[in-house]
Amino acid sequence: MTVKDPEQVRVVAPSNLNAGYTFNVTTEDGRTLNVRVPIGGVVKGEPFNAEVVINNDDGGDTTLFPPAM
């Protein structure tokens, strides 16, 4: 079994955000994704690679890994 890197999307920060903060973004194809701000945080207008996360039933979140090929 191979562990893959989490899915990431390119995002422009809507405001100053601390590391670990999660928020929803809408992709060009209409999907809504929950993403996490990377270590170091971001400032408003800064483009960054955000990790895509999913919510667990227990209220926590888990990194979303792309399906294995």
C-alpha atoms as a PDB file:
ATOM      1  CA  MET A   1       0.000   0.000   0.000  1.00  0.00           C
ATOM      2  CA  THR A   2       1.321   3.409  -0.950  1.00  0.00           C
ATOM      3  CA  VAL A   3       0.409   6.503   1.053  1.00  0.00           C
ATOM      4  CA  LYS A   4      -0.142   9.500  -1.178  1.00  0.00           C
ATOM      5  CA  ASP A   5       0.217  13.158  -0.347  1.00  0.00           C
ATOM      6  CA  PRO A   6      -3.029  14.909   0.605  1.00  0.00           C
ATOM      7  CA  GLU A   7      -4.973  16.611  -2.177  1.00  0.00           C
ATOM      8  CA  GLN A   8      -4.148  20.299  -2.391  1.00  0.00           C
ATOM      9  CA  VAL A   9      -5.774  23.184  -4.196  1.00  0.00           C
ATOM     10  CA  ARG A  10      -4.446  26.642  -5.008  1.00  0.00           C
ATOM     11  CA  VAL A  11      -6.344  29.281  -3.014  1.00  0.00           C
ATOM     12  CA  VAL A  12      -6.104  33.052  -2.528  1.00  0.00           C
ATOM     13  CA  ALA A  13      -6.447  33.968   1.149  1.00  0.00           C
ATOM     14  CA  PRO A  14      -9.722  35.863   1.738  1.00  0.00           C
ATOM     15  CA  SER A  15      -8.242  37.441   4.893  1.00  0.00           C
ATOM     16  CA  ASN A  16      -5.360  37.007   7.333  1.00  0.00           C
ATOM     17  CA  LEU A  17      -5.660  33.404   8.560  1.00  0.00           C
ATOM     18  CA  ASN A  18      -3.796  31.402  11.181  1.00  0.00           C
ATOM     19  CA  ALA A  19      -2.242  28.004  10.491  1.00  0.00           C
ATOM     20  CA  GLY A  20      -4.751  25.164  10.835  1.00  0.00           C
ATOM     21  CA  TYR A  21      -7.808  27.333  10.177  1.00  0.00           C
ATOM     22  CA  THR A  22     -10.305  25.584   7.884  1.00  0.00           C
ATOM     23  CA  PHE A  23     -12.808  27.175   5.514  1.00  0.00           C
ATOM     24  CA  ASN A  24     -14.846  26.336   2.412  1.00  0.00           C
ATOM     25  CA  VAL A  25     -13.844  27.229  -1.135  1.00  0.00           C
ATOM     26  CA  THR A  26     -15.736  26.692  -4.374  1.00  0.00           C
ATOM     27  CA  THR A  27     -13.787  25.351  -7.355  1.00  0.00           C
ATOM     28  CA  GLU A  28     -14.255  26.476 -10.958  1.00  0.00           C
ATOM     29  CA  ASP A  29     -16.263  23.300 -11.621  1.00  0.00           C
ATOM     30  CA  GLY A  30     -18.688  24.078  -8.760  1.00  0.00           C
ATOM     31  CA  ARG A  31     -17.357  21.700  -6.084  1.00  0.00           C
ATOM     32  CA  THR A  32     -17.263  22.994  -2.506  1.00  0.00           C
ATOM     33  CA  LEU A  33     -14.152  21.895  -0.619  1.00  0.00           C
ATOM     34  CA  ASN A  34     -13.098  22.369   2.991  1.00  0.00           C
ATOM     35  CA  VAL A  35      -9.438  23.429   3.093  1.00  0.00           C
ATOM     36  CA  ARG A  36      -6.834  23.965   5.821  1.00  0.00           C
ATOM     37  CA  VAL A  37      -4.352  26.876   6.070  1.00  0.00           C
ATOM     38  CA  PRO A  38      -0.719  25.658   6.136  1.00  0.00           C
ATOM     39  CA  ILE A  39       1.878  26.124   8.879  1.00  0.00           C
ATOM     40  CA  GLY A  40       2.853  29.773   9.164  1.00  0.00           C
ATOM     41  CA  GLY A  41      -0.603  31.070   8.246  1.00  0.00           C
ATOM     42  CA  VAL A  42      -1.375  33.402   5.336  1.00  0.00           C
ATOM     43  CA  VAL A  43      -2.160  37.056   4.743  1.00  0.00           C
ATOM     44  CA  LYS A  44      -5.113  38.482   2.809  1.00  0.00           C
ATOM     45  CA  GLY A  45      -4.595  38.187  -0.950  1.00  0.00           C
ATOM     46  CA  GLU A  46      -1.753  35.670  -0.653  1.00  0.00           C
ATOM     47  CA  PRO A  47      -1.996  32.675  -2.985  1.00  0.00           C
ATOM     48  CA  PHE A  48      -1.208  29.391  -1.224  1.00  0.00           C
ATOM     49  CA  ASN A  49      -1.593  25.627  -1.547  1.00  0.00           C
ATOM     50  CA  ALA A  50      -4.346  24.503   0.814  1.00  0.00           C
ATOM     51  CA  GLU A  51      -4.790  20.926   2.026  1.00  0.00           C
ATOM     52  CA  VAL A  52      -8.274  19.524   1.361  1.00  0.00           C
ATOM     53  CA  VAL A  53      -9.956  18.039   4.461  1.00  0.00           C
ATOM     54  CA  ILE A  54     -13.178  16.182   5.181  1.00  0.00           C
ATOM     55  CA  ASN A  55     -15.202  16.185   8.393  1.00  0.00           C
ATOM     56  CA  ASN A  56     -15.581  12.982  10.407  1.00  0.00           C
ATOM     57  CA  ASP A  57     -18.830  12.019  12.094  1.00  0.00           C
ATOM     58  CA  ASP A  58     -17.099  12.575  15.451  1.00  0.00           C
ATOM     59  CA  GLY A  59     -16.646  16.286  14.700  1.00  0.00           C
ATOM     60  CA  GLY A  60     -12.935  16.083  13.876  1.00  0.00           C
ATOM     61  CA  ASP A  61     -11.445  16.408  10.457  1.00  0.00           C
ATOM     62  CA  THR A  62      -9.289  14.115   8.415  1.00  0.00           C
ATOM     63  CA  THR A  63      -6.985  14.872   5.534  1.00  0.00           C
ATOM     64  CA  LEU A  64      -8.563  13.800   2.257  1.00  0.00           C
ATOM     65  CA  PHE A  65      -6.321  11.444   0.321  1.00  0.00           C
ATOM     66  CA  PRO A  66      -6.952  10.889  -3.371  1.00  0.00           C
ATOM     67  CA  PRO A  67      -8.241   7.394  -4.223  1.00  0.00           C
ATOM     68  CA  ALA A  68      -5.559   4.746  -4.726  1.00  0.00           C
ATOM     69  CA  MET A  69      -4.946   3.808  -8.349  1.00  0.00           C
END
